[in-house]
Amino acid sequence: MHIINEIVYFVYYMGNYIVSESNFKFSIPEKIVHYRYVLIKMEENPLFNSSASRLIHMSKFVDILEKFNIILEEKSQREKILFWEKKTDELFKEQAEYINNLAKGDIKIIIRSGFHPILTD
């Protein structure tokens, strides 16, 4: 039975994986939660320690996005919220590209980063 499980695992995880675009299609409150999860996963993994200052910078952008989402939502200043959402998304998309380059298709690395993977052709 153990050998069968290993074969199933091997077949399932064969292929080339990248960070899925679905990571960036959440609502703003969902993005805030998801981005914080990604930051936590990356901070706790030594594989990603080389980018510690970048993670701090990204965390500040998530904090700003959350602050403006709460404050400005009440004042109907949607354009400022969208501005900070765009800037935060750009940082996380750059980080996703970094993860893709580091992972070289390895699903385990992508999962450890907190991002959702997708199988490419």
Protein backbone atom coordinates (compact mmCIF):
# COMPACT_ATOMS: atom_id res chain seq x y z
CA MET A 1 0.00 0.00 0.00
CA HIS A 2 2.86 2.38 0.82
CA ILE A 3 4.33 1.95 -2.68
CA ILE A 4 0.97 2.74 -4.28
CA ASN A 5 0.70 5.96 -2.27
CA GLU A 6 4.17 7.00 -3.40
CA ILE A 7 3.33 6.29 -7.04
CA VAL A 8 0.11 8.31 -6.80
CA TYR A 9 2.03 11.16 -5.14
CA PHE A 10 4.71 11.07 -7.84
CA VAL A 11 2.20 11.04 -10.72
CA TYR A 12 0.09 13.79 -9.16
CA TYR A 13 3.02 16.11 -8.57
CA MET A 14 4.80 15.48 -11.86
CA GLY A 15 4.75 18.48 -14.12
CA ASN A 16 5.73 22.09 -14.17
CA TYR A 17 3.96 24.33 -11.66
CA ILE A 18 3.86 28.10 -11.37
CA VAL A 19 2.15 30.56 -9.05
CA SER A 20 -1.49 30.78 -10.11
CA GLU A 21 -3.06 34.05 -11.24
CA SER A 22 -5.93 33.17 -8.88
CA ASN A 23 -3.74 34.59 -6.08
CA PHE A 24 -4.55 38.07 -7.37
CA LYS A 25 -8.27 37.77 -8.12
CA PHE A 26 -9.62 38.06 -4.58
CA SER A 27 -11.64 40.93 -3.16
CA ILE A 28 -9.56 43.48 -1.24
CA PRO A 29 -10.40 42.04 2.22
CA GLU A 30 -9.60 38.53 0.94
CA LYS A 31 -6.33 39.76 -0.59
CA ILE A 32 -5.30 41.27 2.72
CA VAL A 33 -5.82 37.94 4.48
CA HIS A 34 -4.17 35.94 1.68
CA TYR A 35 -1.17 38.29 1.40
CA ARG A 36 -0.63 38.13 5.16
CA TYR A 37 -0.69 34.32 4.89
CA VAL A 38 1.92 34.44 2.10
CA LEU A 39 4.11 36.72 4.22
CA ILE A 40 3.86 34.41 7.24
CA LYS A 41 4.71 31.33 5.14
CA MET A 42 7.68 33.07 3.56
CA GLU A 43 8.98 34.45 6.86
CA GLU A 44 8.96 31.03 8.52
CA ASN A 45 10.81 29.27 5.69
CA PRO A 46 14.61 29.64 5.54
CA LEU A 47 14.47 29.18 1.78
CA PHE A 48 13.02 32.70 1.52
CA ASN A 49 15.17 34.44 4.18
CA SER A 50 17.30 36.14 1.56
CA SER A 51 14.41 38.48 0.88
CA ALA A 52 13.64 39.48 4.50
CA SER A 53 13.83 43.24 3.86
CA ARG A 54 11.54 42.83 0.86
CA LEU A 55 9.03 40.92 2.99
CA ILE A 56 9.02 43.77 5.52
CA HIS A 57 8.38 46.24 2.68
CA MET A 58 5.55 44.06 1.35
CA SER A 59 4.05 43.80 4.83
CA LYS A 60 3.96 47.60 5.10
CA PHE A 61 2.04 47.79 1.81
CA VAL A 62 -0.51 45.26 3.09
CA ASP A 63 -0.86 47.35 6.27
CA ILE A 64 -1.45 50.49 4.21
CA LEU A 65 -3.96 48.70 1.97
CA GLU A 66 -5.85 47.47 5.01
CA LYS A 67 -5.83 50.91 6.64
CA PHE A 68 -7.10 52.67 3.52
CA ASN A 69 -9.66 49.95 2.87
CA ILE A 70 -11.17 50.48 6.33
CA ILE A 71 -10.95 54.29 6.42
CA LEU A 72 -11.75 55.18 2.84
CA GLU A 73 -14.49 52.65 2.36
CA GLU A 74 -16.54 54.71 4.78
CA LYS A 75 -15.77 57.94 2.88
CA SER A 76 -16.45 56.51 -0.59
CA GLN A 77 -12.97 57.33 -1.92
CA ARG A 78 -12.67 54.20 -3.98
CA GLU A 79 -9.88 55.49 -6.26
CA LYS A 80 -7.41 55.65 -3.35
CA ILE A 81 -8.25 52.11 -2.31
CA LEU A 82 -7.75 50.92 -5.89
CA PHE A 83 -4.42 52.76 -6.09
CA TRP A 84 -3.08 50.93 -3.01
CA GLU A 85 -4.54 47.63 -4.18
CA LYS A 86 -2.70 48.01 -7.50
CA LYS A 87 0.63 48.88 -5.80
CA THR A 88 0.31 45.95 -3.37
CA ASP A 89 -0.64 43.56 -6.18
CA GLU A 90 2.43 44.67 -8.15
CA LEU A 91 4.71 43.82 -5.22
CA PHE A 92 3.14 40.40 -4.75
CA LYS A 93 3.25 39.67 -8.49
CA GLU A 94 6.97 40.48 -8.46
CA GLN A 95 7.33 38.13 -5.49
CA ALA A 96 5.37 35.44 -7.35
CA GLU A 97 7.82 35.76 -10.26
CA TYR A 98 10.69 35.37 -7.79
CA ILE A 99 9.03 32.23 -6.41
CA ASN A 100 8.51 30.86 -9.92
CA ASN A 101 12.20 31.37 -10.71
CA LEU A 102 13.26 29.81 -7.41
CA ALA A 103 10.84 26.86 -7.67
CA LYS A 104 11.64 25.97 -11.28
CA GLY A 105 8.32 24.12 -11.48
CA ASP A 106 8.53 22.47 -8.02
CA ILE A 107 5.06 22.54 -6.47
CA LYS A 108 6.44 22.04 -2.95
CA ILE A 109 8.37 25.31 -3.06
CA ILE A 110 5.35 27.20 -4.35
CA ILE A 111 3.11 25.75 -1.64
CA ARG A 112 5.70 26.57 1.05
CA SER A 113 5.65 30.18 -0.12
CA GLY A 114 1.93 30.46 0.65
CA PHE A 115 0.96 31.08 -2.98
CA HIS A 116 -1.45 28.77 -4.79
CA PRO A 117 0.17 26.72 -7.58
CA ILE A 118 -1.21 25.79 -10.97
CA LEU A 119 0.00 23.13 -13.40
CA THR A 120 1.30 24.47 -16.71
CA ASP A 121 1.28 22.61 -20.00
